[in-house]
């Protein structure tokens, strides 16, 4: 059975206009969209977080109406910080950590309405020989034993050495100083710093080459 290609989309960070540009070529193409997390925070445009979330919810609710096979959203560290803020009984350390990392308190009412959605976001997705995850994995550790915090927060040693898993890991979380995509045999890094660079990256991965 032929599997739909996947289009992985890097850290959006409230860049609603850039997201629309990247979506346009893939609507009505039959692909699955996989967002690698960090949809929110540090938005460079007014109301960017809300616009991004509402657009993704629209696509996810009825992918077929937009010519998509599916829409999968992974949890990033920014979604996790928001979830922990919502779970706090008052504006304590969790709220301050989120706010200091670019969280917009004006988003909280909308986030509370959709709290269950945020809380059920998965941290990994496997499609063919690709493992999709927000930050990366700890080298030398089987996938089923990876720590939750590593999957959404890790940088080193993941960025500096092969991970040893039987997948090409497609991830965001860390962007390069030149805002370019990293393509190595064991990993593809597609966070290109959209909120500072003005470049949001989406890459199409043909799964049937790995069938």
C-alpha atoms as a PDB file:
ATOM      1  CA  UNK A   1       0.000   0.000   0.000  1.00  0.00           C
ATOM      2  CA  UNK A   2       1.332   3.413  -0.967  1.00  0.00           C
ATOM      3  CA  UNK A   3       1.818   5.705   1.992  1.00  0.00           C
ATOM      4  CA  UNK A   4       1.359   9.467   1.661  1.00  0.00           C
ATOM      5  CA  UNK A   5       4.463  11.577   1.753  1.00  0.00           C
ATOM      6  CA  UNK A   6       5.108  13.562   4.907  1.00  0.00           C
ATOM      7  CA  UNK A   7       5.766  17.290   5.026  1.00  0.00           C
ATOM      8  CA  UNK A   8       7.558  18.202   8.251  1.00  0.00           C
ATOM      9  CA  UNK A   9       7.210  21.809   9.405  1.00  0.00           C
ATOM     10  CA  UNK A  10       9.732  23.345  11.788  1.00  0.00           C
ATOM     11  CA  UNK A  11       9.219  25.638  14.771  1.00  0.00           C
ATOM     12  CA  UNK A  12       6.507  28.151  13.789  1.00  0.00           C
ATOM     13  CA  UNK A  13       6.666  30.375  16.912  1.00  0.00           C
ATOM     14  CA  UNK A  14       3.580  32.387  16.035  1.00  0.00           C
ATOM     15  CA  UNK A  15       4.725  33.271  12.505  1.00  0.00           C
ATOM     16  CA  UNK A  16       1.247  33.051  10.988  1.00  0.00           C
ATOM     17  CA  UNK A  17       2.063  34.722   7.671  1.00  0.00           C
ATOM     18  CA  UNK A  18       5.094  32.490   7.102  1.00  0.00           C
ATOM     19  CA  UNK A  19       3.001  29.445   7.942  1.00  0.00           C
ATOM     20  CA  UNK A  20       0.453  30.325   5.274  1.00  0.00           C
ATOM     21  CA  UNK A  21       3.244  30.655   2.703  1.00  0.00           C
ATOM     22  CA  UNK A  22       4.613  27.230   3.583  1.00  0.00           C
ATOM     23  CA  UNK A  23       1.207  25.555   3.626  1.00  0.00           C
ATOM     24  CA  UNK A  24       0.137  26.775   0.198  1.00  0.00           C
ATOM     25  CA  UNK A  25       2.181  24.350  -1.966  1.00  0.00           C
ATOM     26  CA  UNK A  26       1.026  21.347   0.063  1.00  0.00           C
ATOM     27  CA  UNK A  27      -2.723  21.880   0.301  1.00  0.00           C
ATOM     28  CA  UNK A  28      -4.595  19.477  -2.019  1.00  0.00           C
ATOM     29  CA  UNK A  29      -1.436  17.380  -2.437  1.00  0.00           C
ATOM     30  CA  UNK A  30      -2.487  14.401  -0.317  1.00  0.00           C
ATOM     31  CA  UNK A  31       0.453  14.627   2.104  1.00  0.00           C
ATOM     32  CA  UNK A  32       0.485  14.303   5.872  1.00  0.00           C
ATOM     33  CA  UNK A  33       1.641  17.423   7.688  1.00  0.00           C
ATOM     34  CA  UNK A  34       3.729  16.876  10.806  1.00  0.00           C
ATOM     35  CA  UNK A  35       4.389  19.943  12.942  1.00  0.00           C
ATOM     36  CA  UNK A  36       7.490  19.491  15.089  1.00  0.00           C
ATOM     37  CA  UNK A  37       6.274  21.597  18.024  1.00  0.00           C
ATOM     38  CA  UNK A  38       6.860  25.143  19.262  1.00  0.00           C
ATOM     39  CA  UNK A  39       3.860  26.516  17.430  1.00  0.00           C
ATOM     40  CA  UNK A  40       3.697  29.394  19.878  1.00  0.00           C
ATOM     41  CA  UNK A  41       5.699  32.072  21.737  1.00  0.00           C
ATOM     42  CA  UNK A  42       7.996  34.848  20.486  1.00  0.00           C
ATOM     43  CA  UNK A  43       5.499  35.712  17.737  1.00  0.00           C
ATOM     44  CA  UNK A  44       6.836  38.580  15.597  1.00  0.00           C
ATOM     45  CA  UNK A  45       3.347  39.636  14.475  1.00  0.00           C
ATOM     46  CA  UNK A  46       0.239  40.741  16.382  1.00  0.00           C
ATOM     47  CA  UNK A  47      -1.939  37.841  17.555  1.00  0.00           C
ATOM     48  CA  UNK A  48       0.377  35.423  15.771  1.00  0.00           C
ATOM     49  CA  UNK A  49       0.032  32.632  18.315  1.00  0.00           C
ATOM     50  CA  UNK A  50      -3.764  32.592  18.086  1.00  0.00           C
ATOM     51  CA  UNK A  51      -3.725  32.732  14.287  1.00  0.00           C
ATOM     52  CA  UNK A  52      -1.284  29.836  14.057  1.00  0.00           C
ATOM     53  CA  UNK A  53      -3.200  27.668  16.509  1.00  0.00           C
ATOM     54  CA  UNK A  54      -6.600  28.324  14.941  1.00  0.00           C
ATOM     55  CA  UNK A  55      -5.251  27.566  11.464  1.00  0.00           C
ATOM     56  CA  UNK A  56      -3.716  24.288  12.601  1.00  0.00           C
ATOM     57  CA  UNK A  57      -6.872  23.292  14.483  1.00  0.00           C
ATOM     58  CA  UNK A  58      -8.854  23.992  11.314  1.00  0.00           C
ATOM     59  CA  UNK A  59      -6.571  21.743   9.260  1.00  0.00           C
ATOM     60  CA  UNK A  60      -6.450  19.019  11.891  1.00  0.00           C
ATOM     61  CA  UNK A  61     -10.212  18.889  12.367  1.00  0.00           C
ATOM     62  CA  UNK A  62     -10.867  18.039   8.717  1.00  0.00           C
ATOM     63  CA  UNK A  63      -7.661  17.312   6.783  1.00  0.00           C
ATOM     64  CA  UNK A  64      -9.508  15.884   3.801  1.00  0.00           C
ATOM     65  CA  UNK A  65     -11.261  19.190   3.186  1.00  0.00           C
ATOM     66  CA  UNK A  66      -7.829  20.695   2.507  1.00  0.00           C
ATOM     67  CA  UNK A  67      -6.548  17.789   0.430  1.00  0.00           C
ATOM     68  CA  UNK A  68      -4.363  16.405   3.213  1.00  0.00           C
ATOM     69  CA  UNK A  69      -3.999  12.810   4.403  1.00  0.00           C
ATOM     70  CA  UNK A  70      -3.586  13.839   8.048  1.00  0.00           C
ATOM     71  CA  UNK A  71      -2.249  16.588  10.302  1.00  0.00           C
ATOM     72  CA  UNK A  72      -0.070  15.551  13.243  1.00  0.00           C
ATOM     73  CA  UNK A  73       1.165  18.017  15.854  1.00  0.00           C
ATOM     74  CA  UNK A  74       4.033  17.107  18.190  1.00  0.00           C
ATOM     75  CA  UNK A  75       4.729  18.676  21.547  1.00  0.00           C
ATOM     76  CA  UNK A  76       7.586  21.125  21.821  1.00  0.00           C
ATOM     77  CA  UNK A  77       9.153  22.543  24.954  1.00  0.00           C
ATOM     78  CA  UNK A  78       7.075  25.715  24.521  1.00  0.00           C
ATOM     79  CA  UNK A  79       3.814  23.763  24.492  1.00  0.00           C
ATOM     80  CA  UNK A  80       5.066  21.931  27.586  1.00  0.00           C
ATOM     81  CA  UNK A  81       5.848  25.189  29.389  1.00  0.00           C
ATOM     82  CA  UNK A  82       2.349  26.410  28.553  1.00  0.00           C
ATOM     83  CA  UNK A  83       0.788  23.179  29.847  1.00  0.00           C
ATOM     84  CA  UNK A  84       2.706  23.519  33.104  1.00  0.00           C
ATOM     85  CA  UNK A  85       1.559  27.141  33.396  1.00  0.00           C
ATOM     86  CA  UNK A  86      -2.061  26.075  32.965  1.00  0.00           C
ATOM     87  CA  UNK A  87      -1.640  23.396  35.635  1.00  0.00           C
ATOM     88  CA  UNK A  88      -0.342  25.925  38.158  1.00  0.00           C
ATOM     89  CA  UNK A  89      -2.837  27.250  40.697  1.00  0.00           C
ATOM     90  CA  UNK A  90      -1.295  30.711  40.545  1.00  0.00           C
ATOM     91  CA  UNK A  91       1.280  32.598  38.557  1.00  0.00           C
ATOM     92  CA  UNK A  92       4.282  30.892  40.041  1.00  0.00           C
ATOM     93  CA  UNK A  93       7.571  29.573  38.674  1.00  0.00           C
ATOM     94  CA  UNK A  94       5.999  27.644  35.789  1.00  0.00           C
ATOM     95  CA  UNK A  95       4.224  30.754  34.529  1.00  0.00           C
ATOM     96  CA  UNK A  96       7.350  32.890  34.873  1.00  0.00           C
ATOM     97  CA  UNK A  97       9.456  30.325  32.986  1.00  0.00           C
ATOM     98  CA  UNK A  98       6.968  30.313  30.125  1.00  0.00           C
ATOM     99  CA  UNK A  99       6.640  34.114  30.059  1.00  0.00           C
ATOM    100  CA  UNK A 100      10.415  34.614  30.150  1.00  0.00           C
ATOM    101  CA  UNK A 101      10.699  32.304  27.144  1.00  0.00           C
ATOM    102  CA  UNK A 102       8.379  34.433  25.040  1.00  0.00           C
ATOM    103  CA  UNK A 103       4.980  33.313  26.328  1.00  0.00           C
ATOM    104  CA  UNK A 104       2.158  35.795  25.864  1.00  0.00           C
ATOM    105  CA  UNK A 105      -0.259  35.912  28.833  1.00  0.00           C
ATOM    106  CA  UNK A 106      -2.986  37.064  26.428  1.00  0.00           C
ATOM    107  CA  UNK A 107      -2.964  33.531  25.008  1.00  0.00           C
ATOM    108  CA  UNK A 108      -4.014  31.931  28.295  1.00  0.00           C
ATOM    109  CA  UNK A 109      -7.820  32.177  27.866  1.00  0.00           C
ATOM    110  CA  UNK A 110      -7.642  30.415  24.481  1.00  0.00           C
ATOM    111  CA  UNK A 111      -5.171  27.875  25.851  1.00  0.00           C
ATOM    112  CA  UNK A 112      -7.491  27.084  28.758  1.00  0.00           C
ATOM    113  CA  UNK A 113     -10.336  26.420  26.310  1.00  0.00           C
ATOM    114  CA  UNK A 114      -8.127  23.937  24.481  1.00  0.00           C
ATOM    115  CA  UNK A 115      -6.197  22.619  27.453  1.00  0.00           C
ATOM    116  CA  UNK A 116      -7.049  18.995  26.701  1.00  0.00           C
ATOM    117  CA  UNK A 117      -5.626  19.345  23.185  1.00  0.00           C
ATOM    118  CA  UNK A 118      -2.326  20.667  24.518  1.00  0.00           C
ATOM    119  CA  UNK A 119      -2.147  17.982  27.183  1.00  0.00           C
ATOM    120  CA  UNK A 120      -2.589  15.098  24.722  1.00  0.00           C
ATOM    121  CA  UNK A 121       0.032  16.217  22.202  1.00  0.00           C
ATOM    122  CA  UNK A 122       2.399  13.317  21.421  1.00  0.00           C
ATOM    123  CA  UNK A 123       6.174  13.716  21.648  1.00  0.00           C
ATOM    124  CA  UNK A 124       7.195  11.399  18.789  1.00  0.00           C
ATOM    125  CA  UNK A 125       5.874  10.061  15.501  1.00  0.00           C
ATOM    126  CA  UNK A 126       7.410   7.308  13.373  1.00  0.00           C
ATOM    127  CA  UNK A 127       6.708   7.220   9.650  1.00  0.00           C
ATOM    128  CA  UNK A 128       8.719   4.728   7.615  1.00  0.00           C
ATOM    129  CA  UNK A 129      12.381   5.114   8.533  1.00  0.00           C
ATOM    130  CA  UNK A 130      11.870   8.606   9.943  1.00  0.00           C
ATOM    131  CA  UNK A 131      11.442   9.514  13.599  1.00  0.00           C
ATOM    132  CA  UNK A 132       9.858  12.923  14.106  1.00  0.00           C
ATOM    133  CA  UNK A 133      10.489  14.653  17.415  1.00  0.00           C
ATOM    134  CA  UNK A 134      10.790  18.235  18.629  1.00  0.00           C
ATOM    135  CA  UNK A 135      14.295  18.411  20.096  1.00  0.00           C
ATOM    136  CA  UNK A 136      16.024  15.089  19.482  1.00  0.00           C
ATOM    137  CA  UNK A 137      17.001  11.929  21.314  1.00  0.00           C
ATOM    138  CA  UNK A 138      19.708  10.859  23.736  1.00  0.00           C
ATOM    139  CA  UNK A 139      22.359   8.865  21.855  1.00  0.00           C
ATOM    140  CA  UNK A 140      22.653   5.223  22.783  1.00  0.00           C
ATOM    141  CA  UNK A 141      19.193   4.982  24.387  1.00  0.00           C
ATOM    142  CA  UNK A 142      16.426   2.869  22.762  1.00  0.00           C
ATOM    143  CA  UNK A 143      13.404   4.854  21.636  1.00  0.00           C
ATOM    144  CA  UNK A 144      11.103   3.269  24.208  1.00  0.00           C
ATOM    145  CA  UNK A 145      13.469   4.332  27.004  1.00  0.00           C
ATOM    146  CA  UNK A 146      13.994   7.937  25.917  1.00  0.00           C
ATOM    147  CA  UNK A 147      13.275  10.472  28.650  1.00  0.00           C
ATOM    148  CA  UNK A 148      10.350  12.824  28.067  1.00  0.00           C
ATOM    149  CA  UNK A 149      12.455  15.901  28.861  1.00  0.00           C
ATOM    150  CA  UNK A 150      15.147  14.866  26.375  1.00  0.00           C
ATOM    151  CA  UNK A 151      12.626  14.526  23.546  1.00  0.00           C
ATOM    152  CA  UNK A 152      11.481  18.134  23.961  1.00  0.00           C
ATOM    153  CA  UNK A 153      14.600  19.843  25.377  1.00  0.00           C
ATOM    154  CA  UNK A 154      17.841  18.057  24.401  1.00  0.00           C
ATOM    155  CA  UNK A 155      20.610  19.750  22.443  1.00  0.00           C
ATOM    156  CA  UNK A 156      23.946  18.111  23.281  1.00  0.00           C
ATOM    157  CA  UNK A 157      25.010  15.342  22.965  1.00  0.00           C
ATOM    158  CA  UNK A 158      22.317  14.759  20.325  1.00  0.00           C
ATOM    159  CA  UNK A 159      23.585  17.541  18.064  1.00  0.00           C
ATOM    160  CA  UNK A 160      27.207  16.465  18.264  1.00  0.00           C
ATOM    161  CA  UNK A 161      27.166  12.680  17.785  1.00  0.00           C
ATOM    162  CA  UNK A 162      25.177   9.920  16.029  1.00  0.00           C
ATOM    163  CA  UNK A 163      22.226   8.677  18.058  1.00  0.00           C
ATOM    164  CA  UNK A 164      22.365   4.998  17.118  1.00  0.00           C
ATOM    165  CA  UNK A 165      18.630   4.559  16.462  1.00  0.00           C
ATOM    166  CA  UNK A 166      17.435   2.848  13.253  1.00  0.00           C
ATOM    167  CA  UNK A 167      15.811   6.074  12.035  1.00  0.00           C
ATOM    168  CA  UNK A 168      16.673   9.358  10.461  1.00  0.00           C
ATOM    169  CA  UNK A 169      15.567  11.783  13.184  1.00  0.00           C
ATOM    170  CA  UNK A 170      13.716  14.848  11.879  1.00  0.00           C
ATOM    171  CA  UNK A 171      13.706  17.575  14.511  1.00  0.00           C
ATOM    172  CA  UNK A 172      13.427  21.266  15.302  1.00  0.00           C
ATOM    173  CA  UNK A 173      14.294  23.123  18.533  1.00  0.00           C
ATOM    174  CA  UNK A 174      17.819  24.270  17.630  1.00  0.00           C
ATOM    175  CA  UNK A 175      18.596  26.587  14.746  1.00  0.00           C
ATOM    176  CA  UNK A 176      21.998  27.288  13.249  1.00  0.00           C
ATOM    177  CA  UNK A 177      23.641  30.701  13.178  1.00  0.00           C
ATOM    178  CA  UNK A 178      23.163  30.756   9.395  1.00  0.00           C
ATOM    179  CA  UNK A 179      19.507  29.612   9.690  1.00  0.00           C
ATOM    180  CA  UNK A 180      20.093  26.705   7.302  1.00  0.00           C
ATOM    181  CA  UNK A 181      18.660  23.190   7.379  1.00  0.00           C
ATOM    182  CA  UNK A 182      21.025  20.526   8.728  1.00  0.00           C
ATOM    183  CA  UNK A 183      21.074  17.340   6.644  1.00  0.00           C
ATOM    184  CA  UNK A 184      23.108  14.447   7.988  1.00  0.00           C
ATOM    185  CA  UNK A 185      22.641  10.687   7.483  1.00  0.00           C
ATOM    186  CA  UNK A 186      21.284  10.293  11.024  1.00  0.00           C
ATOM    187  CA  UNK A 187      19.333  13.536  11.472  1.00  0.00           C
ATOM    188  CA  UNK A 188      17.651  16.424   9.655  1.00  0.00           C
ATOM    189  CA  UNK A 189      17.281  19.657  11.632  1.00  0.00           C
ATOM    190  CA  UNK A 190      14.641  21.993  10.210  1.00  0.00           C
ATOM    191  CA  UNK A 191      14.308  24.762  12.789  1.00  0.00           C
ATOM    192  CA  UNK A 192      15.486  27.788  10.825  1.00  0.00           C
ATOM    193  CA  UNK A 193      14.674  30.405  13.461  1.00  0.00           C
ATOM    194  CA  UNK A 194      11.493  31.705  11.830  1.00  0.00           C
ATOM    195  CA  UNK A 195      10.771  34.375  14.446  1.00  0.00           C
ATOM    196  CA  UNK A 196      14.198  35.993  13.946  1.00  0.00           C
ATOM    197  CA  UNK A 197      15.194  34.930  10.419  1.00  0.00           C
ATOM    198  CA  UNK A 198      11.865  35.247   8.648  1.00  0.00           C
ATOM    199  CA  UNK A 199      12.449  31.742   7.259  1.00  0.00           C
ATOM    200  CA  UNK A 200      10.079  28.903   8.181  1.00  0.00           C
ATOM    201  CA  UNK A 201      11.076  25.538   6.772  1.00  0.00           C
ATOM    202  CA  UNK A 202       8.850  22.750   5.497  1.00  0.00           C
ATOM    203  CA  UNK A 203      10.423  19.693   3.893  1.00  0.00           C
ATOM    204  CA  UNK A 204       8.706  16.902   1.982  1.00  0.00           C
ATOM    205  CA  UNK A 205       9.877  13.370   2.732  1.00  0.00           C
ATOM    206  CA  UNK A 206       8.810  10.614   0.315  1.00  0.00           C
ATOM    207  CA  UNK A 207       8.093   7.638   2.586  1.00  0.00           C
ATOM    208  CA  UNK A 208       7.812   5.115  -0.193  1.00  0.00           C
ATOM    209  CA  UNK A 209      11.530   5.350  -0.832  1.00  0.00           C
ATOM    210  CA  UNK A 210      11.798   3.608   2.552  1.00  0.00           C
ATOM    211  CA  UNK A 211       9.041   1.051   1.998  1.00  0.00           C
END
